[in-house]
Amino acid sequence: MEPLQQVLEAMKQAGEPVNAGKLVELTGLDRKLVDKAMADLKKSGEIVSPKRCFWQPS
């Protein structure tokens, strides 16, 4: 599974808005990979931020 899909799936399973640090814990991916995946997901509109620094699937 690609990092982008892993990050999105981890967000869905968390069931609440999460930050990048929590996603690193949940996925076991390197922080740089998580940050890149999140940037791509933000651009495509697949994730939204309900509060500062926390993200969830849109």
PDB file of N, CA and C in Angstrom:
ATOM      1  N   MET A   1       0.849  -1.188   0.000  1.00  0.00           N
ATOM      2  CA  MET A   1       0.000   0.000   0.000  1.00  0.00           C
ATOM      3  C   MET A   1       0.894   1.251   0.000  1.00  0.00           C
ATOM      4  N   GLU A   2       0.525   2.223  -0.793  1.00  0.00           N
ATOM      5  CA  GLU A   2       1.301   3.453  -0.888  1.00  0.00           C
ATOM      6  C   GLU A   2       1.090   4.305   0.363  1.00  0.00           C
ATOM      7  N   PRO A   3       2.089   5.148   0.698  1.00  0.00           N
ATOM      8  CA  PRO A   3       1.958   6.006   1.888  1.00  0.00           C
ATOM      9  C   PRO A   3       0.682   6.839   1.894  1.00  0.00           C
ATOM     10  N   LEU A   4       0.302   7.361   0.731  1.00  0.00           N
ATOM     11  CA  LEU A   4      -0.903   8.177   0.647  1.00  0.00           C
ATOM     12  C   LEU A   4      -2.128   7.387   1.111  1.00  0.00           C
ATOM     13  N   GLN A   5      -2.247   6.164   0.630  1.00  0.00           N
ATOM     14  CA  GLN A   5      -3.381   5.323   1.010  1.00  0.00           C
ATOM     15  C   GLN A   5      -3.296   4.915   2.478  1.00  0.00           C
ATOM     16  N   GLN A   6      -2.074   4.650   2.962  1.00  0.00           N
ATOM     17  CA  GLN A   6      -1.901   4.274   4.368  1.00  0.00           C
ATOM     18  C   GLN A   6      -2.345   5.407   5.292  1.00  0.00           C
ATOM     19  N   VAL A   7      -1.952   6.629   4.945  1.00  0.00           N
ATOM     20  CA  VAL A   7      -2.304   7.788   5.768  1.00  0.00           C
ATOM     21  C   VAL A   7      -3.817   7.995   5.770  1.00  0.00           C
ATOM     22  N   LEU A   8      -4.431   7.931   4.607  1.00  0.00           N
ATOM     23  CA  LEU A   8      -5.884   8.123   4.519  1.00  0.00           C
ATOM     24  C   LEU A   8      -6.627   7.031   5.284  1.00  0.00           C
ATOM     25  N   GLU A   9      -6.186   5.803   5.154  1.00  0.00           N
ATOM     26  CA  GLU A   9      -6.822   4.679   5.861  1.00  0.00           C
ATOM     27  C   GLU A   9      -6.665   4.833   7.376  1.00  0.00           C
ATOM     28  N   ALA A  10      -5.485   5.259   7.818  1.00  0.00           N
ATOM     29  CA  ALA A  10      -5.259   5.470   9.256  1.00  0.00           C
ATOM     30  C   ALA A  10      -6.181   6.559   9.789  1.00  0.00           C
ATOM     31  N   MET A  11      -6.392   7.606   8.998  1.00  0.00           N
ATOM     32  CA  MET A  11      -7.305   8.677   9.414  1.00  0.00           C
ATOM     33  C   MET A  11      -8.723   8.150   9.562  1.00  0.00           C
ATOM     34  N   LYS A  12      -9.146   7.341   8.606  1.00  0.00           N
ATOM     35  CA  LYS A  12     -10.496   6.773   8.661  1.00  0.00           C
ATOM     36  C   LYS A  12     -10.659   5.884   9.888  1.00  0.00           C
ATOM     37  N   GLN A  13      -9.653   5.075  10.182  1.00  0.00           N
ATOM     38  CA  GLN A  13      -9.730   4.150  11.310  1.00  0.00           C
ATOM     39  C   GLN A  13      -9.653   4.870  12.650  1.00  0.00           C
ATOM     40  N   ALA A  14      -8.978   6.012  12.695  1.00  0.00           N
ATOM     41  CA  ALA A  14      -8.852   6.766  13.949  1.00  0.00           C
ATOM     42  C   ALA A  14     -10.212   7.238  14.439  1.00  0.00           C
ATOM     43  N   GLY A  15     -11.091   7.588  13.513  1.00  0.00           N
ATOM     44  CA  GLY A  15     -12.437   8.009  13.899  1.00  0.00           C
ATOM     45  C   GLY A  15     -12.509   9.384  14.521  1.00  0.00           C
ATOM     46  N   GLU A  16     -11.412  10.119  14.511  1.00  0.00           N
ATOM     47  CA  GLU A  16     -11.374  11.472  15.046  1.00  0.00           C
ATOM     48  C   GLU A  16     -10.268  12.228  14.317  1.00  0.00           C
ATOM     49  N   PRO A  17     -10.294  13.555  14.351  1.00  0.00           N
ATOM     50  CA  PRO A  17      -9.217  14.315  13.710  1.00  0.00           C
ATOM     51  C   PRO A  17      -7.867  13.981  14.357  1.00  0.00           C
ATOM     52  N   VAL A  18      -6.849  13.821  13.523  1.00  0.00           N
ATOM     53  CA  VAL A  18      -5.510  13.468  14.017  1.00  0.00           C
ATOM     54  C   VAL A  18      -4.472  14.419  13.436  1.00  0.00           C
ATOM     55  N   ASN A  19      -3.337  14.512  14.135  1.00  0.00           N
ATOM     56  CA  ASN A  19      -2.242  15.332  13.626  1.00  0.00           C
ATOM     57  C   ASN A  19      -1.178  14.429  13.001  1.00  0.00           C
ATOM     58  N   ALA A  20      -0.182  15.024  12.415  1.00  0.00           N
ATOM     59  CA  ALA A  20       0.847  14.260  11.707  1.00  0.00           C
ATOM     60  C   ALA A  20       1.603  13.319  12.644  1.00  0.00           C
ATOM     61  N   GLY A  21       1.869  13.754  13.862  1.00  0.00           N
ATOM     62  CA  GLY A  21       2.580  12.909  14.822  1.00  0.00           C
ATOM     63  C   GLY A  21       1.817  11.625  15.123  1.00  0.00           C
ATOM     64  N   LYS A  22       0.514  11.749  15.266  1.00  0.00           N
ATOM     65  CA  LYS A  22      -0.325  10.572  15.525  1.00  0.00           C
ATOM     66  C   LYS A  22      -0.333   9.652  14.309  1.00  0.00           C
ATOM     67  N   LEU A  23      -0.330  10.222  13.113  1.00  0.00           N
ATOM     68  CA  LEU A  23      -0.311   9.406  11.903  1.00  0.00           C
ATOM     69  C   LEU A  23       1.002   8.639  11.769  1.00  0.00           C
ATOM     70  N   VAL A  24       2.093   9.239  12.201  1.00  0.00           N
ATOM     71  CA  VAL A  24       3.380   8.532  12.197  1.00  0.00           C
ATOM     72  C   VAL A  24       3.277   7.308  13.098  1.00  0.00           C
ATOM     73  N   GLU A  25       2.674   7.490  14.276  1.00  0.00           N
ATOM     74  CA  GLU A  25       2.468   6.371  15.212  1.00  0.00           C
ATOM     75  C   GLU A  25       1.586   5.289  14.598  1.00  0.00           C
ATOM     76  N   LEU A  26       0.467   5.707  14.021  1.00  0.00           N
ATOM     77  CA  LEU A  26      -0.514   4.757  13.503  1.00  0.00           C
ATOM     78  C   LEU A  26      -0.009   3.976  12.290  1.00  0.00           C
ATOM     79  N   THR A  27       0.754   4.639  11.422  1.00  0.00           N
ATOM     80  CA  THR A  27       1.180   3.997  10.180  1.00  0.00           C
ATOM     81  C   THR A  27       2.560   3.374  10.251  1.00  0.00           C
ATOM     82  N   GLY A  28       3.411   3.883  11.146  1.00  0.00           N
ATOM     83  CA  GLY A  28       4.789   3.408  11.202  1.00  0.00           C
ATOM     84  C   GLY A  28       5.650   3.988  10.092  1.00  0.00           C
ATOM     85  N   LEU A  29       5.118   4.963   9.365  1.00  0.00           N
ATOM     86  CA  LEU A  29       5.856   5.594   8.277  1.00  0.00           C
ATOM     87  C   LEU A  29       6.769   6.701   8.814  1.00  0.00           C
ATOM     88  N   ASP A  30       7.758   7.064   8.021  1.00  0.00           N
ATOM     89  CA  ASP A  30       8.639   8.176   8.338  1.00  0.00           C
ATOM     90  C   ASP A  30       7.843   9.484   8.291  1.00  0.00           C
ATOM     91  N   ARG A  31       8.204  10.432   9.134  1.00  0.00           N
ATOM     92  CA  ARG A  31       7.475  11.713   9.212  1.00  0.00           C
ATOM     93  C   ARG A  31       7.447  12.420   7.852  1.00  0.00           C
ATOM     94  N   LYS A  32       8.549  12.362   7.108  1.00  0.00           N
ATOM     95  CA  LYS A  32       8.587  13.029   5.797  1.00  0.00           C
ATOM     96  C   LYS A  32       7.561  12.430   4.836  1.00  0.00           C
ATOM     97  N   LEU A  33       7.399  11.117   4.876  1.00  0.00           N
ATOM     98  CA  LEU A  33       6.416  10.458   4.016  1.00  0.00           C
ATOM     99  C   LEU A  33       4.997  10.859   4.415  1.00  0.00           C
ATOM    100  N   VAL A  34       4.755  10.928   5.717  1.00  0.00           N
ATOM    101  CA  VAL A  34       3.434  11.331   6.210  1.00  0.00           C
ATOM    102  C   VAL A  34       3.139  12.774   5.793  1.00  0.00           C
ATOM    103  N   ASP A  35       4.120  13.665   5.959  1.00  0.00           N
ATOM    104  CA  ASP A  35       3.922  15.068   5.584  1.00  0.00           C
ATOM    105  C   ASP A  35       3.625  15.208   4.093  1.00  0.00           C
ATOM    106  N   LYS A  36       4.354  14.481   3.260  1.00  0.00           N
ATOM    107  CA  LYS A  36       4.127  14.547   1.811  1.00  0.00           C
ATOM    108  C   LYS A  36       2.740  14.010   1.453  1.00  0.00           C
ATOM    109  N   ALA A  37       2.380  12.875   2.048  1.00  0.00           N
ATOM    110  CA  ALA A  37       1.061  12.293   1.780  1.00  0.00           C
ATOM    111  C   ALA A  37      -0.044  13.263   2.202  1.00  0.00           C
ATOM    112  N   MET A  38       0.125  13.887   3.359  1.00  0.00           N
ATOM    113  CA  MET A  38      -0.888  14.836   3.828  1.00  0.00           C
ATOM    114  C   MET A  38      -0.983  16.041   2.896  1.00  0.00           C
ATOM    115  N   ALA A  39       0.141  16.526   2.407  1.00  0.00           N
ATOM    116  CA  ALA A  39       0.127  17.656   1.473  1.00  0.00           C
ATOM    117  C   ALA A  39      -0.638  17.287   0.206  1.00  0.00           C
ATOM    118  N   ASP A  40      -0.396  16.088  -0.303  1.00  0.00           N
ATOM    119  CA  ASP A  40      -1.101  15.635  -1.504  1.00  0.00           C
ATOM    120  C   ASP A  40      -2.597  15.480  -1.239  1.00  0.00           C
ATOM    121  N   LEU A  41      -2.950  14.947  -0.073  1.00  0.00           N
ATOM    122  CA  LEU A  41      -4.354  14.767   0.283  1.00  0.00           C
ATOM    123  C   LEU A  41      -5.062  16.110   0.465  1.00  0.00           C
ATOM    124  N   LYS A  42      -4.351  17.091   1.009  1.00  0.00           N
ATOM    125  CA  LYS A  42      -4.927  18.436   1.163  1.00  0.00           C
ATOM    126  C   LYS A  42      -5.206  19.041  -0.205  1.00  0.00           C
ATOM    127  N   LYS A  43      -4.234  18.928  -1.122  1.00  0.00           N
ATOM    128  CA  LYS A  43      -4.387  19.487  -2.469  1.00  0.00           C
ATOM    129  C   LYS A  43      -5.588  18.891  -3.198  1.00  0.00           C
ATOM    130  N   SER A  44      -5.766  17.581  -3.039  1.00  0.00           N
ATOM    131  CA  SER A  44      -6.855  16.909  -3.753  1.00  0.00           C
ATOM    132  C   SER A  44      -8.202  17.064  -3.032  1.00  0.00           C
ATOM    133  N   GLY A  45      -8.178  17.638  -1.828  1.00  0.00           N
ATOM    134  CA  GLY A  45      -9.413  17.857  -1.087  1.00  0.00           C
ATOM    135  C   GLY A  45      -9.938  16.619  -0.375  1.00  0.00           C
ATOM    136  N   GLU A  46      -9.089  15.586  -0.251  1.00  0.00           N
ATOM    137  CA  GLU A  46      -9.539  14.344   0.395  1.00  0.00           C
ATOM    138  C   GLU A  46      -9.537  14.435   1.921  1.00  0.00           C
ATOM    139  N   ILE A  47      -8.800  15.426   2.462  1.00  0.00           N
ATOM    140  CA  ILE A  47      -8.821  15.630   3.912  1.00  0.00           C
ATOM    141  C   ILE A  47      -9.125  17.099   4.195  1.00  0.00           C
ATOM    142  N   VAL A  48      -9.724  17.338   5.355  1.00  0.00           N
ATOM    143  CA  VAL A  48     -10.060  18.692   5.786  1.00  0.00           C
ATOM    144  C   VAL A  48      -9.600  18.874   7.228  1.00  0.00           C
ATOM    145  N   SER A  49      -9.450  20.132   7.614  1.00  0.00           N
ATOM    146  CA  SER A  49      -8.993  20.441   8.965  1.00  0.00           C
ATOM    147  C   SER A  49     -10.123  21.073   9.775  1.00  0.00           C
ATOM    148  N   PRO A  50     -10.686  20.316  10.729  1.00  0.00           N
ATOM    149  CA  PRO A  50     -11.756  20.884  11.564  1.00  0.00           C
ATOM    150  C   PRO A  50     -11.205  21.835  12.621  1.00  0.00           C
ATOM    151  N   LYS A  51      -9.926  21.654  12.993  1.00  0.00           N
ATOM    152  CA  LYS A  51      -9.257  22.569  13.910  1.00  0.00           C
ATOM    153  C   LYS A  51      -7.775  22.581  13.575  1.00  0.00           C
ATOM    154  N   ARG A  52      -7.103  23.605  13.983  1.00  0.00           N
ATOM    155  CA  ARG A  52      -5.715  23.818  13.594  1.00  0.00           C
ATOM    156  C   ARG A  52      -4.828  22.600  13.863  1.00  0.00           C
ATOM    157  N   CYS A  53      -4.102  22.189  12.825  1.00  0.00           N
ATOM    158  CA  CYS A  53      -3.125  21.087  12.889  1.00  0.00           C
ATOM    159  C   CYS A  53      -3.743  19.683  13.026  1.00  0.00           C
ATOM    160  N   PHE A  54      -5.044  19.580  12.976  1.00  0.00           N
ATOM    161  CA  PHE A  54      -5.697  18.279  13.028  1.00  0.00           C
ATOM    162  C   PHE A  54      -6.490  18.068  11.743  1.00  0.00           C
ATOM    163  N   TRP A  55      -6.434  16.854  11.229  1.00  0.00           N
ATOM    164  CA  TRP A  55      -7.025  16.555   9.929  1.00  0.00           C
ATOM    165  C   TRP A  55      -7.904  15.319   9.990  1.00  0.00           C
ATOM    166  N   GLN A  56      -8.882  15.268   9.085  1.00  0.00           N
ATOM    167  CA  GLN A  56      -9.769  14.111   8.975  1.00  0.00           C
ATOM    168  C   GLN A  56     -10.199  13.980   7.515  1.00  0.00           C
ATOM    169  N   PRO A  57     -10.646  12.794   7.122  1.00  0.00           N
ATOM    170  CA  PRO A  57     -11.137  12.624   5.747  1.00  0.00           C
ATOM    171  C   PRO A  57     -12.331  13.547   5.502  1.00  0.00           C
ATOM    172  N   SER A  58     -12.424  14.068   4.292  1.00  0.00           N
ATOM    173  CA  SER A  58     -13.544  14.989   3.997  1.00  0.00           C
ATOM    174  C   SER A  58     -14.818  14.225   3.661  1.00  0.00           C
TER     175      SER A  58
END
